[in-house]
């Protein structure tokens, strides 16, 4: 799991809590800030997933290139 995925999930939890507290207390501003933080967290988590998948593809490509070089040298 990438750093952005973890940070995004933390923001989602914080946003959900703020949204709930704002709802319970009737604080519309806090509720709106919570919804925004939740959405920002979802976006950050998605960015982290994309980064992780790109790193995995890059690693797989490096392994494949290495295997090809080994096979040529044999």
N, C-alpha and C. Protein backbone atom coordinates (compact mmCIF):
# COMPACT_ATOMS: atom_id res chain seq x y z
N UNK A 1 0.85 -1.17 0.00
CA UNK A 1 0.00 0.00 0.00
C UNK A 1 0.90 1.24 0.00
N UNK A 2 0.59 2.17 -0.85
CA UNK A 2 1.43 3.37 -0.98
C UNK A 2 1.10 4.39 0.12
N UNK A 3 2.01 5.33 0.25
CA UNK A 3 1.87 6.39 1.23
C UNK A 3 0.59 7.21 0.98
N UNK A 4 0.33 7.53 -0.29
CA UNK A 4 -0.87 8.30 -0.61
C UNK A 4 -2.15 7.52 -0.33
N UNK A 5 -2.11 6.22 -0.51
CA UNK A 5 -3.30 5.42 -0.19
C UNK A 5 -3.63 5.51 1.30
N UNK A 6 -2.60 5.38 2.12
CA UNK A 6 -2.81 5.43 3.57
C UNK A 6 -3.28 6.82 4.00
N UNK A 7 -2.59 7.86 3.51
CA UNK A 7 -2.98 9.23 3.87
C UNK A 7 -4.41 9.53 3.40
N UNK A 8 -4.76 9.03 2.23
CA UNK A 8 -6.11 9.23 1.72
C UNK A 8 -7.16 8.58 2.59
N UNK A 9 -6.87 7.38 3.06
CA UNK A 9 -7.82 6.68 3.93
C UNK A 9 -7.97 7.41 5.26
N UNK A 10 -6.87 7.93 5.78
CA UNK A 10 -6.93 8.69 7.05
C UNK A 10 -7.81 9.93 6.86
N UNK A 11 -7.62 10.64 5.73
CA UNK A 11 -8.44 11.82 5.47
C UNK A 11 -9.91 11.46 5.35
N UNK A 12 -10.19 10.31 4.75
CA UNK A 12 -11.58 9.88 4.63
C UNK A 12 -12.21 9.67 6.00
N UNK A 13 -11.48 9.04 6.89
CA UNK A 13 -12.00 8.79 8.24
C UNK A 13 -12.22 10.12 8.97
N UNK A 14 -11.22 11.00 8.89
CA UNK A 14 -11.36 12.31 9.54
C UNK A 14 -12.55 13.08 8.96
N UNK A 15 -12.72 13.02 7.66
CA UNK A 15 -13.83 13.70 7.03
C UNK A 15 -15.17 13.14 7.44
N UNK A 16 -15.24 11.83 7.55
CA UNK A 16 -16.48 11.18 7.97
C UNK A 16 -16.84 11.58 9.40
N UNK A 17 -15.83 11.65 10.26
CA UNK A 17 -16.07 12.05 11.66
C UNK A 17 -16.56 13.50 11.72
N UNK A 18 -15.88 14.38 10.99
CA UNK A 18 -16.30 15.79 10.97
C UNK A 18 -17.73 15.94 10.45
N UNK A 19 -18.02 15.20 9.39
CA UNK A 19 -19.37 15.24 8.81
C UNK A 19 -20.40 14.80 9.84
N UNK A 20 -20.11 13.71 10.56
CA UNK A 20 -21.05 13.20 11.55
C UNK A 20 -21.21 14.17 12.73
N UNK A 21 -20.10 14.71 13.20
CA UNK A 21 -20.17 15.66 14.32
C UNK A 21 -20.93 16.91 13.89
N UNK A 22 -20.65 17.39 12.69
CA UNK A 22 -21.37 18.55 12.18
C UNK A 22 -22.85 18.29 12.06
N UNK A 23 -23.20 17.09 11.64
CA UNK A 23 -24.61 16.72 11.53
C UNK A 23 -25.28 16.66 12.90
N UNK A 24 -24.58 16.07 13.87
CA UNK A 24 -25.16 15.94 15.21
C UNK A 24 -25.31 17.28 15.92
N UNK A 25 -24.37 18.18 15.67
CA UNK A 25 -24.40 19.47 16.36
C UNK A 25 -25.13 20.56 15.56
N UNK A 26 -25.50 20.22 14.35
CA UNK A 26 -26.16 21.21 13.50
C UNK A 26 -25.20 22.22 12.91
N UNK A 27 -23.92 21.91 12.93
CA UNK A 27 -22.89 22.80 12.40
C UNK A 27 -22.69 22.48 10.91
N UNK A 28 -23.36 23.22 10.06
CA UNK A 28 -23.31 22.97 8.62
C UNK A 28 -21.92 23.17 8.04
N UNK A 29 -21.17 24.14 8.59
CA UNK A 29 -19.81 24.40 8.10
C UNK A 29 -18.91 23.20 8.36
N UNK A 30 -18.96 22.66 9.58
CA UNK A 30 -18.15 21.49 9.91
C UNK A 30 -18.57 20.29 9.06
N UNK A 31 -19.85 20.16 8.87
CA UNK A 31 -20.37 19.06 8.06
C UNK A 31 -19.84 19.17 6.62
N UNK A 32 -19.87 20.37 6.06
CA UNK A 32 -19.39 20.58 4.69
C UNK A 32 -17.88 20.33 4.60
N UNK A 33 -17.14 20.80 5.60
CA UNK A 33 -15.70 20.55 5.61
C UNK A 33 -15.39 19.06 5.69
N UNK A 34 -16.20 18.34 6.44
CA UNK A 34 -16.03 16.89 6.53
C UNK A 34 -16.28 16.20 5.20
N UNK A 35 -17.31 16.61 4.50
CA UNK A 35 -17.61 16.03 3.19
C UNK A 35 -16.48 16.30 2.21
N UNK A 36 -15.96 17.52 2.25
CA UNK A 36 -14.85 17.89 1.36
C UNK A 36 -13.61 17.07 1.69
N UNK A 37 -13.28 16.96 2.97
CA UNK A 37 -12.10 16.20 3.37
C UNK A 37 -12.24 14.73 2.97
N UNK A 38 -13.44 14.21 3.09
CA UNK A 38 -13.69 12.83 2.67
C UNK A 38 -13.43 12.66 1.17
N UNK A 39 -13.92 13.58 0.37
CA UNK A 39 -13.71 13.50 -1.08
C UNK A 39 -12.24 13.66 -1.45
N UNK A 40 -11.55 14.58 -0.78
CA UNK A 40 -10.12 14.76 -1.02
C UNK A 40 -9.37 13.48 -0.67
N UNK A 41 -9.77 12.84 0.41
CA UNK A 41 -9.16 11.57 0.81
C UNK A 41 -9.38 10.48 -0.21
N UNK A 42 -10.58 10.42 -0.77
CA UNK A 42 -10.85 9.42 -1.81
C UNK A 42 -9.97 9.65 -3.03
N UNK A 43 -9.81 10.92 -3.41
CA UNK A 43 -8.96 11.24 -4.56
C UNK A 43 -7.51 10.88 -4.27
N UNK A 44 -7.03 11.20 -3.07
CA UNK A 44 -5.65 10.90 -2.72
C UNK A 44 -5.42 9.39 -2.69
N UNK A 45 -6.38 8.65 -2.18
CA UNK A 45 -6.25 7.19 -2.17
C UNK A 45 -6.17 6.66 -3.60
N UNK A 46 -6.99 7.19 -4.49
CA UNK A 46 -6.97 6.74 -5.89
C UNK A 46 -5.63 7.06 -6.55
N UNK A 47 -5.08 8.25 -6.26
CA UNK A 47 -3.76 8.61 -6.79
C UNK A 47 -2.72 7.60 -6.30
N UNK A 48 -2.80 7.24 -5.04
CA UNK A 48 -1.88 6.25 -4.48
C UNK A 48 -2.00 4.90 -5.17
N UNK A 49 -3.22 4.50 -5.49
CA UNK A 49 -3.42 3.23 -6.20
C UNK A 49 -2.79 3.28 -7.58
N UNK A 50 -2.96 4.39 -8.27
CA UNK A 50 -2.37 4.54 -9.60
C UNK A 50 -0.85 4.50 -9.51
N UNK A 51 -0.29 5.19 -8.53
CA UNK A 51 1.16 5.17 -8.34
C UNK A 51 1.66 3.75 -8.08
N UNK A 52 0.95 3.04 -7.22
CA UNK A 52 1.37 1.68 -6.88
C UNK A 52 1.32 0.77 -8.10
N UNK A 53 0.25 0.87 -8.88
CA UNK A 53 0.13 0.03 -10.07
C UNK A 53 1.23 0.37 -11.09
N UNK A 54 1.56 1.65 -11.22
CA UNK A 54 2.63 2.06 -12.13
C UNK A 54 3.97 1.49 -11.66
N UNK A 55 4.21 1.54 -10.35
CA UNK A 55 5.46 0.97 -9.81
C UNK A 55 5.52 -0.53 -10.05
N UNK A 56 4.39 -1.22 -9.87
CA UNK A 56 4.36 -2.66 -10.08
C UNK A 56 4.62 -3.00 -11.55
N UNK A 57 4.04 -2.24 -12.46
CA UNK A 57 4.27 -2.48 -13.90
C UNK A 57 5.72 -2.22 -14.25
N UNK A 58 6.29 -1.15 -13.68
CA UNK A 58 7.68 -0.82 -13.95
C UNK A 58 8.60 -1.93 -13.44
N UNK A 59 8.32 -2.45 -12.26
CA UNK A 59 9.12 -3.53 -11.70
C UNK A 59 9.00 -4.79 -12.56
N UNK A 60 7.79 -5.10 -13.00
CA UNK A 60 7.59 -6.28 -13.84
C UNK A 60 8.35 -6.13 -15.16
N UNK A 61 8.35 -4.94 -15.71
CA UNK A 61 9.07 -4.69 -16.96
C UNK A 61 10.57 -4.86 -16.76
N UNK A 62 11.09 -4.39 -15.63
CA UNK A 62 12.51 -4.54 -15.34
C UNK A 62 12.88 -6.01 -15.21
N UNK A 63 12.05 -6.78 -14.54
CA UNK A 63 12.30 -8.21 -14.37
C UNK A 63 12.28 -8.90 -15.73
N UNK A 64 11.32 -8.55 -16.56
CA UNK A 64 11.23 -9.16 -17.89
C UNK A 64 12.47 -8.82 -18.72
N UNK A 65 12.92 -7.58 -18.67
CA UNK A 65 14.13 -7.19 -19.40
C UNK A 65 15.35 -7.96 -18.90
N UNK A 66 15.43 -8.11 -17.60
CA UNK A 66 16.55 -8.85 -17.02
C UNK A 66 16.53 -10.31 -17.46
N UNK A 67 15.34 -10.92 -17.43
CA UNK A 67 15.21 -12.31 -17.87
C UNK A 67 15.58 -12.46 -19.35
N UNK A 68 15.19 -11.50 -20.16
CA UNK A 68 15.53 -11.56 -21.58
C UNK A 68 17.04 -11.48 -21.79
N UNK A 69 17.70 -10.62 -21.02
CA UNK A 69 19.16 -10.52 -21.13
C UNK A 69 19.84 -11.80 -20.69
N UNK A 70 19.32 -12.41 -19.63
CA UNK A 70 19.90 -13.68 -19.17
C UNK A 70 19.74 -14.76 -20.23
N UNK A 71 18.58 -14.83 -20.83
CA UNK A 71 18.33 -15.85 -21.85
C UNK A 71 19.22 -15.64 -23.08
N UNK A 72 19.49 -14.39 -23.43
CA UNK A 72 20.39 -14.12 -24.58
C UNK A 72 21.82 -14.55 -24.27
N UNK A 73 22.22 -14.35 -23.03
CA UNK A 73 23.60 -14.65 -22.64
C UNK A 73 23.85 -16.15 -22.48
N UNK A 74 22.80 -16.92 -22.35
CA UNK A 74 22.97 -18.37 -22.17
C UNK A 74 23.18 -19.02 -23.46
